[in-house]
Amino acid sequence: MLERLLQEKLKKEEIRASDLADYRRIHIAADEFVFLTKPGEDSESVAHYMLDDEFEFEGKRYHGFGTMTTLADLKHFAALEEINVTLQPKIDYSTIPASVAKKVTIMRINQSKLTSIDFVSDFPQLGELDIDGNDVSDLGPLAGKSSLISLRFRWNQVEDLSPLSDQKKLRTIQANSNKVSDLSPLAELPKLEEIGFYDNKIVDVSPLQGMSTLTNIELSNNRISDVSPLKDFTSIEELRLVGNPIKNIELLSRVPNVEY
């Protein structure tokens, strides 16, 4: 299937390794498209409908899952740094050649019924991981993944953040619509700037107290009643607390940019 999509994209029946050598980014969207990007080029804009098996490209919606099972053919992409996959639930990510995996810094797998991220151990330079719209519950494989800077796992089934406690380079965590209740592992992250935990099960925000690096906090639609640990965020750029049963919002009178 990947070969067919490449033939359509490049308008060639026979594709040589030299045809693919300069591409830094690939995006496989179901069995409909493969998008390729070289340095200096703009990437195509695809709109994801995370809770459905749909995406939109150039004003048209495409529906249904793809059928790929392997990414072994990525061996021909000598300069590949970014892999994007949409609506491909059958891919075995261990089939990505080691020669490619060792160079990849960005990986996005969306709307693909992903249940395991064991494959991340094969990507030593992975700085950005986006697994929005899947069925992942265990972040355990991320433990010790010291290269990670940005992590997105919105619309999954995650409860436990403890595997992130040693991610000292992490700056962004986007985790809307999961099952997280305990934020204490975040207190160990010295560079964390932005967190998104809309629609989780958070009651206690005391682990965030003293985390002066935070500039954007999204905690809407949780179970927070006591916001006193947030009263010293006087330089925050955005603090969202909509949809919580807050009992002492007056304590945030000196905190700018609060929405509740």
C-alpha atoms as a PDB file:
ATOM      1  CA  MET A   1       0.000   0.000   0.000  1.00  0.00           C
ATOM      2  CA  LEU A   2       2.785   2.464   0.844  1.00  0.00           C
ATOM      3  CA  GLU A   3       4.409   1.761  -2.505  1.00  0.00           C
ATOM      4  CA  ARG A   4       1.159   2.574  -4.327  1.00  0.00           C
ATOM      5  CA  LEU A   5       0.715   5.828  -2.435  1.00  0.00           C
ATOM      6  CA  LEU A   6       4.303   6.818  -3.197  1.00  0.00           C
ATOM      7  CA  GLN A   7       3.788   6.066  -6.875  1.00  0.00           C
ATOM      8  CA  GLU A   8       0.721   8.296  -6.906  1.00  0.00           C
ATOM      9  CA  LYS A   9       2.475  11.066  -4.999  1.00  0.00           C
ATOM     10  CA  LEU A  10       5.616  11.081  -7.129  1.00  0.00           C
ATOM     11  CA  LYS A  11       3.795  10.158 -10.357  1.00  0.00           C
ATOM     12  CA  LYS A  12       6.273   7.380 -11.049  1.00  0.00           C
ATOM     13  CA  GLU A  13       5.821   3.673 -11.629  1.00  0.00           C
ATOM     14  CA  GLU A  14       9.366   2.851 -10.574  1.00  0.00           C
ATOM     15  CA  ILE A  15      10.663   4.599  -7.482  1.00  0.00           C
ATOM     16  CA  ARG A  16      14.351   4.631  -6.681  1.00  0.00           C
ATOM     17  CA  ALA A  17      16.004   5.276  -3.333  1.00  0.00           C
ATOM     18  CA  SER A  18      17.409   8.495  -4.783  1.00  0.00           C
ATOM     19  CA  ASP A  19      13.834   9.751  -5.300  1.00  0.00           C
ATOM     20  CA  LEU A  20      13.219   9.563  -1.551  1.00  0.00           C
ATOM     21  CA  ALA A  21      16.613  10.438  -0.125  1.00  0.00           C
ATOM     22  CA  ASP A  22      15.963  14.132   0.607  1.00  0.00           C
ATOM     23  CA  TYR A  23      12.577  13.920   2.306  1.00  0.00           C
ATOM     24  CA  ARG A  24      12.630  14.804   6.006  1.00  0.00           C
ATOM     25  CA  ARG A  25       8.932  14.295   6.760  1.00  0.00           C
ATOM     26  CA  ILE A  26       6.319  11.709   5.817  1.00  0.00           C
ATOM     27  CA  HIS A  27       2.607  11.660   6.641  1.00  0.00           C
ATOM     28  CA  ILE A  28       0.569   8.563   5.838  1.00  0.00           C
ATOM     29  CA  ALA A  29      -3.156   9.363   5.964  1.00  0.00           C
ATOM     30  CA  ALA A  30      -5.233   6.153   5.908  1.00  0.00           C
ATOM     31  CA  ASP A  31      -4.948   4.486   2.485  1.00  0.00           C
ATOM     32  CA  GLU A  32      -5.687   7.809   0.808  1.00  0.00           C
ATOM     33  CA  PHE A  33      -2.487   9.868   0.781  1.00  0.00           C
ATOM     34  CA  VAL A  34       1.171  10.006   1.554  1.00  0.00           C
ATOM     35  CA  PHE A  35       2.531  13.517   2.045  1.00  0.00           C
ATOM     36  CA  LEU A  36       6.262  14.150   1.703  1.00  0.00           C
ATOM     37  CA  THR A  37       8.189  17.238   2.752  1.00  0.00           C
ATOM     38  CA  LYS A  38      11.732  18.356   2.014  1.00  0.00           C
ATOM     39  CA  PRO A  39      13.666  20.996   3.999  1.00  0.00           C
ATOM     40  CA  GLY A  40      12.254  24.459   3.334  1.00  0.00           C
ATOM     41  CA  GLU A  41       8.911  23.163   2.065  1.00  0.00           C
ATOM     42  CA  ASP A  42       5.571  23.708   3.780  1.00  0.00           C
ATOM     43  CA  SER A  43       3.790  20.576   4.943  1.00  0.00           C
ATOM     44  CA  GLU A  44       0.220  19.831   3.882  1.00  0.00           C
ATOM     45  CA  SER A  45      -2.532  20.790   6.316  1.00  0.00           C
ATOM     46  CA  VAL A  46      -4.705  17.871   7.424  1.00  0.00           C
ATOM     47  CA  ALA A  47      -7.601  18.357   9.860  1.00  0.00           C
ATOM     48  CA  HIS A  48      -8.084  15.463  12.280  1.00  0.00           C
ATOM     49  CA  TYR A  49     -11.437  14.435  13.732  1.00  0.00           C
ATOM     50  CA  MET A  50      -9.967  12.688  16.745  1.00  0.00           C
ATOM     51  CA  LEU A  51     -13.085  10.923  17.970  1.00  0.00           C
ATOM     52  CA  ASP A  52     -13.986   9.580  14.526  1.00  0.00           C
ATOM     53  CA  ASP A  53     -12.276   7.646  11.746  1.00  0.00           C
ATOM     54  CA  GLU A  54     -12.123  10.742   9.556  1.00  0.00           C
ATOM     55  CA  PHE A  55      -9.749  13.439   8.411  1.00  0.00           C
ATOM     56  CA  GLU A  56     -10.096  16.411   6.105  1.00  0.00           C
ATOM     57  CA  PHE A  57      -7.776  17.582   3.343  1.00  0.00           C
ATOM     58  CA  GLU A  58      -8.374  20.530   1.030  1.00  0.00           C
ATOM     59  CA  GLY A  59     -12.007  20.793   2.088  1.00  0.00           C
ATOM     60  CA  LYS A  60     -12.879  17.136   1.547  1.00  0.00           C
ATOM     61  CA  ARG A  61     -13.476  14.569   4.271  1.00  0.00           C
ATOM     62  CA  TYR A  62     -12.052  11.058   4.051  1.00  0.00           C
ATOM     63  CA  HIS A  63     -13.508   8.229   6.089  1.00  0.00           C
ATOM     64  CA  GLY A  64     -12.210   4.824   7.176  1.00  0.00           C
ATOM     65  CA  PHE A  65      -9.109   3.095   8.480  1.00  0.00           C
ATOM     66  CA  GLY A  66      -6.108   2.122   6.402  1.00  0.00           C
ATOM     67  CA  THR A  67      -4.719  -1.372   5.909  1.00  0.00           C
ATOM     68  CA  MET A  68      -0.945  -1.014   6.228  1.00  0.00           C
ATOM     69  CA  THR A  69       0.883  -3.480   8.458  1.00  0.00           C
ATOM     70  CA  THR A  70       4.544  -2.567   7.948  1.00  0.00           C
ATOM     71  CA  LEU A  71       6.769   0.476   7.520  1.00  0.00           C
ATOM     72  CA  ALA A  72       9.824  -1.477   6.417  1.00  0.00           C
ATOM     73  CA  ASP A  73       9.941   0.514   3.173  1.00  0.00           C
ATOM     74  CA  LEU A  74      10.963   3.590   5.119  1.00  0.00           C
ATOM     75  CA  LYS A  75      14.493   2.222   4.790  1.00  0.00           C
ATOM     76  CA  HIS A  76      14.720   4.184   1.536  1.00  0.00           C
ATOM     77  CA  PHE A  77      14.219   7.527   3.336  1.00  0.00           C
ATOM     78  CA  ALA A  78      17.805   8.280   4.289  1.00  0.00           C
ATOM     79  CA  ALA A  79      17.099  11.723   5.775  1.00  0.00           C
ATOM     80  CA  LEU A  80      13.759  11.058   7.497  1.00  0.00           C
ATOM     81  CA  GLU A  81      13.288  12.922  10.785  1.00  0.00           C
ATOM     82  CA  GLU A  82       9.510  13.039  11.205  1.00  0.00           C
ATOM     83  CA  ILE A  83       6.896  10.288  10.865  1.00  0.00           C
ATOM     84  CA  ASN A  84       3.156  11.027  10.898  1.00  0.00           C
ATOM     85  CA  VAL A  85       0.481   8.345  10.722  1.00  0.00           C
ATOM     86  CA  THR A  86      -3.293   8.836  10.631  1.00  0.00           C
ATOM     87  CA  LEU A  87      -5.985   6.113  10.686  1.00  0.00           C
ATOM     88  CA  GLN A  88      -3.682   3.093  10.423  1.00  0.00           C
ATOM     89  CA  PRO A  89      -4.556   0.614  13.222  1.00  0.00           C
ATOM     90  CA  LYS A  90      -2.624  -2.411  11.922  1.00  0.00           C
ATOM     91  CA  ILE A  91       0.906  -1.037  11.573  1.00  0.00           C
ATOM     92  CA  ASP A  92       3.669  -2.803  13.495  1.00  0.00           C
ATOM     93  CA  TYR A  93       6.051   0.021  14.399  1.00  0.00           C
ATOM     94  CA  SER A  94       8.861  -2.405  15.156  1.00  0.00           C
ATOM     95  CA  THR A  95       9.152  -2.805  11.369  1.00  0.00           C
ATOM     96  CA  ILE A  96      10.655   0.679  11.054  1.00  0.00           C
ATOM     97  CA  PRO A  97      14.320   0.043  10.216  1.00  0.00           C
ATOM     98  CA  ALA A  98      16.819   0.924  12.943  1.00  0.00           C
ATOM     99  CA  SER A  99      18.728   3.080  10.474  1.00  0.00           C
ATOM    100  CA  VAL A 100      15.645   5.304  10.212  1.00  0.00           C
ATOM    101  CA  ALA A 101      14.454   5.120  13.824  1.00  0.00           C
ATOM    102  CA  LYS A 102      17.754   6.394  15.191  1.00  0.00           C
ATOM    103  CA  LYS A 103      17.315   9.696  13.303  1.00  0.00           C
ATOM    104  CA  VAL A 104      13.625  10.360  13.938  1.00  0.00           C
ATOM    105  CA  THR A 105      12.939  13.266  16.303  1.00  0.00           C
ATOM    106  CA  ILE A 106       9.175  13.699  15.805  1.00  0.00           C
ATOM    107  CA  MET A 107       6.523  10.983  15.734  1.00  0.00           C
ATOM    108  CA  ARG A 108       2.775  11.467  15.484  1.00  0.00           C
ATOM    109  CA  ILE A 109       0.339   8.555  15.435  1.00  0.00           C
ATOM    110  CA  ASN A 110      -3.267   9.735  15.507  1.00  0.00           C
ATOM    111  CA  GLN A 111      -6.671   8.025  15.356  1.00  0.00           C
ATOM    112  CA  SER A 112      -5.074   4.615  14.900  1.00  0.00           C
ATOM    113  CA  LYS A 113      -6.414   2.510  17.806  1.00  0.00           C
ATOM    114  CA  LEU A 114      -2.896   2.396  19.218  1.00  0.00           C
ATOM    115  CA  THR A 115      -2.736   0.511  22.529  1.00  0.00           C
ATOM    116  CA  SER A 116       1.018   0.240  23.153  1.00  0.00           C
ATOM    117  CA  ILE A 117       3.963   2.606  22.786  1.00  0.00           C
ATOM    118  CA  ASP A 118       6.649  -0.018  23.379  1.00  0.00           C
ATOM    119  CA  PHE A 119       8.221   1.018  20.077  1.00  0.00           C
ATOM    120  CA  VAL A 120       9.563   4.291  21.549  1.00  0.00           C
ATOM    121  CA  SER A 121      12.613   2.468  22.873  1.00  0.00           C
ATOM    122  CA  ASP A 122      13.784   2.183  19.261  1.00  0.00           C
ATOM    123  CA  PHE A 123      13.860   5.985  18.828  1.00  0.00           C
ATOM    124  CA  PRO A 124      16.808   7.361  20.831  1.00  0.00           C
ATOM    125  CA  GLN A 125      16.437  10.964  19.615  1.00  0.00           C
ATOM    126  CA  LEU A 126      12.665  11.270  19.920  1.00  0.00           C
ATOM    127  CA  GLY A 127      11.897  14.804  21.093  1.00  0.00           C
ATOM    128  CA  GLU A 128       8.198  15.053  20.240  1.00  0.00           C
ATOM    129  CA  LEU A 129       5.593  12.305  20.571  1.00  0.00           C
ATOM    130  CA  ASP A 130       1.936  12.822  19.658  1.00  0.00           C
ATOM    131  CA  ILE A 131      -0.467   9.903  20.128  1.00  0.00           C
ATOM    132  CA  ASP A 132      -3.747  11.828  20.231  1.00  0.00           C
ATOM    133  CA  GLY A 133      -6.943   9.883  19.645  1.00  0.00           C
ATOM    134  CA  ASN A 134      -5.879   6.345  20.533  1.00  0.00           C
ATOM    135  CA  ASP A 135      -6.407   3.728  23.274  1.00  0.00           C
ATOM    136  CA  VAL A 136      -3.121   3.966  25.166  1.00  0.00           C
ATOM    137  CA  SER A 137      -3.324   3.426  28.930  1.00  0.00           C
ATOM    138  CA  ASP A 138       0.328   2.781  29.860  1.00  0.00           C
ATOM    139  CA  LEU A 139       3.064   5.409  29.518  1.00  0.00           C
ATOM    140  CA  GLY A 140       5.596   3.029  31.074  1.00  0.00           C
ATOM    141  CA  PRO A 141       7.764   2.767  27.938  1.00  0.00           C
ATOM    142  CA  LEU A 142       8.544   6.489  28.298  1.00  0.00           C
ATOM    143  CA  ALA A 143      10.376   5.973  31.589  1.00  0.00           C
ATOM    144  CA  GLY A 144      13.980   7.005  31.089  1.00  0.00           C
ATOM    145  CA  LYS A 145      13.244   8.608  27.704  1.00  0.00           C
ATOM    146  CA  SER A 146      15.473  11.586  28.412  1.00  0.00           C
ATOM    147  CA  SER A 147      15.195  13.152  24.941  1.00  0.00           C
ATOM    148  CA  LEU A 148      11.470  13.981  25.137  1.00  0.00           C
ATOM    149  CA  ILE A 149      10.515  17.682  25.007  1.00  0.00           C
ATOM    150  CA  SER A 150       6.854  17.578  23.947  1.00  0.00           C
ATOM    151  CA  LEU A 151       4.254  14.905  24.706  1.00  0.00           C
ATOM    152  CA  ARG A 152       0.640  14.799  23.538  1.00  0.00           C
ATOM    153  CA  PHE A 153      -1.729  11.970  24.435  1.00  0.00           C
ATOM    154  CA  ARG A 154      -5.166  13.584  24.334  1.00  0.00           C
ATOM    155  CA  TRP A 155      -8.210  11.285  24.047  1.00  0.00           C
ATOM    156  CA  ASN A 156      -6.579   8.162  25.462  1.00  0.00           C
ATOM    157  CA  GLN A 157      -7.016   6.059  28.630  1.00  0.00           C
ATOM    158  CA  VAL A 158      -4.021   7.146  30.726  1.00  0.00           C
ATOM    159  CA  GLU A 159      -4.306   7.211  34.537  1.00  0.00           C
ATOM    160  CA  ASP A 160      -0.698   7.100  35.769  1.00  0.00           C
ATOM    161  CA  LEU A 161       1.846   9.852  35.051  1.00  0.00           C
ATOM    162  CA  SER A 162       4.669   8.348  37.115  1.00  0.00           C
ATOM    163  CA  PRO A 163       6.675   7.228  34.027  1.00  0.00           C
ATOM    164  CA  LEU A 164       7.113  10.928  33.230  1.00  0.00           C
ATOM    165  CA  SER A 165       8.820  11.843  36.503  1.00  0.00           C
ATOM    166  CA  ASP A 166      12.309  11.508  35.025  1.00  0.00           C
ATOM    167  CA  GLN A 167      11.571  13.418  31.811  1.00  0.00           C
ATOM    168  CA  LYS A 168      13.738  16.366  32.797  1.00  0.00           C
ATOM    169  CA  LYS A 169      13.578  18.026  29.362  1.00  0.00           C
ATOM    170  CA  LEU A 170       9.792  17.959  29.024  1.00  0.00           C
ATOM    171  CA  ARG A 171       8.315  21.387  28.331  1.00  0.00           C
ATOM    172  CA  THR A 172       4.822  20.503  27.113  1.00  0.00           C
ATOM    173  CA  ILE A 173       2.280  17.883  28.159  1.00  0.00           C
ATOM    174  CA  GLN A 174      -1.148  17.827  26.503  1.00  0.00           C
ATOM    175  CA  ALA A 175      -3.363  15.188  28.081  1.00  0.00           C
ATOM    176  CA  ASN A 176      -6.981  16.273  27.655  1.00  0.00           C
ATOM    177  CA  SER A 177      -9.673  13.612  28.035  1.00  0.00           C
ATOM    178  CA  ASN A 178      -7.851  10.909  29.962  1.00  0.00           C
ATOM    179  CA  LYS A 179      -8.282   9.471  33.480  1.00  0.00           C
ATOM    180  CA  VAL A 180      -5.506  11.276  35.339  1.00  0.00           C
ATOM    181  CA  SER A 181      -6.087  12.106  39.009  1.00  0.00           C
ATOM    182  CA  ASP A 182      -2.547  12.485  40.414  1.00  0.00           C
ATOM    183  CA  LEU A 183      -0.295  15.308  39.183  1.00  0.00           C
ATOM    184  CA  SER A 184       2.540  14.678  41.649  1.00  0.00           C
ATOM    185  CA  PRO A 185       4.974  13.240  39.036  1.00  0.00           C
ATOM    186  CA  LEU A 186       4.976  16.647  37.332  1.00  0.00           C
ATOM    187  CA  ALA A 187       6.677  18.249  40.334  1.00  0.00           C
ATOM    188  CA  GLU A 188       9.909  16.561  39.243  1.00  0.00           C
ATOM    189  CA  LEU A 189       9.989  18.283  35.838  1.00  0.00           C
ATOM    190  CA  PRO A 190      12.160  21.420  36.029  1.00  0.00           C
ATOM    191  CA  LYS A 191      11.485  22.730  32.501  1.00  0.00           C
ATOM    192  CA  LEU A 192       7.747  22.155  32.224  1.00  0.00           C
ATOM    193  CA  GLU A 193       6.023  25.225  30.731  1.00  0.00           C
ATOM    194  CA  GLU A 194       2.640  24.093  29.442  1.00  0.00           C
ATOM    195  CA  ILE A 195       0.180  21.465  30.665  1.00  0.00           C
ATOM    196  CA  GLY A 196      -3.271  20.535  29.408  1.00  0.00           C
ATOM    197  CA  PHE A 197      -5.462  18.255  31.524  1.00  0.00           C
ATOM    198  CA  TYR A 198      -8.940  19.261  30.413  1.00  0.00           C
ATOM    199  CA  ASP A 199     -11.541  16.601  31.285  1.00  0.00           C
ATOM    200  CA  ASN A 200      -9.629  14.356  33.669  1.00  0.00           C
ATOM    201  CA  LYS A 201     -10.214  13.381  37.332  1.00  0.00           C
ATOM    202  CA  ILE A 202      -7.964  15.855  39.115  1.00  0.00           C
ATOM    203  CA  VAL A 203      -8.883  16.970  42.642  1.00  0.00           C
ATOM    204  CA  ASP A 204      -5.552  18.041  44.140  1.00  0.00           C
ATOM    205  CA  VAL A 205      -3.418  20.707  42.421  1.00  0.00           C
ATOM    206  CA  SER A 206      -0.865  21.044  45.232  1.00  0.00           C
ATOM    207  CA  PRO A 207       1.853  19.273  43.162  1.00  0.00           C
ATOM    208  CA  LEU A 208       1.894  22.355  40.917  1.00  0.00           C
ATOM    209  CA  GLN A 209       2.724  24.697  43.786  1.00  0.00           C
ATOM    210  CA  GLY A 210       6.149  26.228  43.295  1.00  0.00           C
ATOM    211  CA  MET A 211       6.482  25.140  39.663  1.00  0.00           C
ATOM    212  CA  SER A 212       7.568  28.589  38.522  1.00  0.00           C
ATOM    213  CA  THR A 213       8.347  27.500  34.961  1.00  0.00           C
ATOM    214  CA  LEU A 214       4.664  26.928  34.156  1.00  0.00           C
ATOM    215  CA  THR A 215       3.178  29.589  31.875  1.00  0.00           C
ATOM    216  CA  ASN A 216       0.032  27.853  30.551  1.00  0.00           C
ATOM    217  CA  ILE A 217      -2.213  25.616  32.643  1.00  0.00           C
ATOM    218  CA  GLU A 218      -5.437  24.005  31.406  1.00  0.00           C
ATOM    219  CA  LEU A 219      -7.398  22.225  34.150  1.00  0.00           C
ATOM    220  CA  SER A 220     -10.992  22.752  33.038  1.00  0.00           C
ATOM    221  CA  ASN A 221     -13.627  20.079  33.674  1.00  0.00           C
ATOM    222  CA  ASN A 222     -11.963  18.363  36.599  1.00  0.00           C
ATOM    223  CA  ARG A 223     -12.911  18.010  40.295  1.00  0.00           C
ATOM    224  CA  ILE A 224     -10.867  20.829  41.818  1.00  0.00           C
ATOM    225  CA  SER A 225     -12.380  22.646  44.805  1.00  0.00           C
ATOM    226  CA  ASP A 226      -9.256  24.122  46.444  1.00  0.00           C
ATOM    227  CA  VAL A 227      -7.131  26.423  44.261  1.00  0.00           C
ATOM    228  CA  SER A 228      -4.917  27.795  47.048  1.00  0.00           C
ATOM    229  CA  PRO A 229      -1.797  26.048  45.653  1.00  0.00           C
ATOM    230  CA  LEU A 230      -2.153  28.205  42.527  1.00  0.00           C
ATOM    231  CA  LYS A 231      -2.314  31.602  44.243  1.00  0.00           C
ATOM    232  CA  ASP A 232       1.346  32.460  43.606  1.00  0.00           C
ATOM    233  CA  PHE A 233       1.189  32.073  39.816  1.00  0.00           C
ATOM    234  CA  THR A 234       1.260  35.848  39.423  1.00  0.00           C
ATOM    235  CA  SER A 235       3.051  35.765  36.067  1.00  0.00           C
ATOM    236  CA  ILE A 236       0.964  33.061  34.411  1.00  0.00           C
ATOM    237  CA  GLU A 237      -0.003  33.622  30.781  1.00  0.00           C
ATOM    238  CA  GLU A 238      -3.114  31.442  30.948  1.00  0.00           C
ATOM    239  CA  LEU A 239      -4.848  29.522  33.724  1.00  0.00           C
ATOM    240  CA  ARG A 240      -8.109  27.772  32.827  1.00  0.00           C
ATOM    241  CA  LEU A 241     -10.290  26.300  35.547  1.00  0.00           C
ATOM    242  CA  VAL A 242     -13.725  26.258  33.913  1.00  0.00           C
ATOM    243  CA  GLY A 243     -16.099  23.522  35.054  1.00  0.00           C
ATOM    244  CA  ASN A 244     -14.584  22.834  38.492  1.00  0.00           C
ATOM    245  CA  PRO A 245     -16.414  23.016  41.877  1.00  0.00           C
ATOM    246  CA  ILE A 246     -14.053  25.708  43.193  1.00  0.00           C
ATOM    247  CA  LYS A 247     -14.792  26.995  46.713  1.00  0.00           C
ATOM    248  CA  ASN A 248     -12.079  29.629  47.152  1.00  0.00           C
ATOM    249  CA  ILE A 249     -11.612  31.341  43.791  1.00  0.00           C
ATOM    250  CA  GLU A 250     -11.011  34.654  45.627  1.00  0.00           C
ATOM    251  CA  LEU A 251      -7.517  33.392  46.466  1.00  0.00           C
ATOM    252  CA  LEU A 252      -6.586  33.890  42.816  1.00  0.00           C
ATOM    253  CA  SER A 253      -7.335  37.610  42.834  1.00  0.00           C
ATOM    254  CA  ARG A 254      -3.677  38.437  42.139  1.00  0.00           C
ATOM    255  CA  VAL A 255      -3.328  35.823  39.416  1.00  0.00           C
ATOM    256  CA  PRO A 256      -3.746  37.251  35.896  1.00  0.00           C
ATOM    257  CA  ASN A 257      -5.423  35.585  32.946  1.00  0.00           C
ATOM    258  CA  VAL A 258      -7.610  33.209  34.943  1.00  0.00           C
ATOM    259  CA  GLU A 259     -10.712  31.724  33.360  1.00  0.00           C
ATOM    260  CA  TYR A 260     -13.151  29.922  35.647  1.00  0.00           C
END
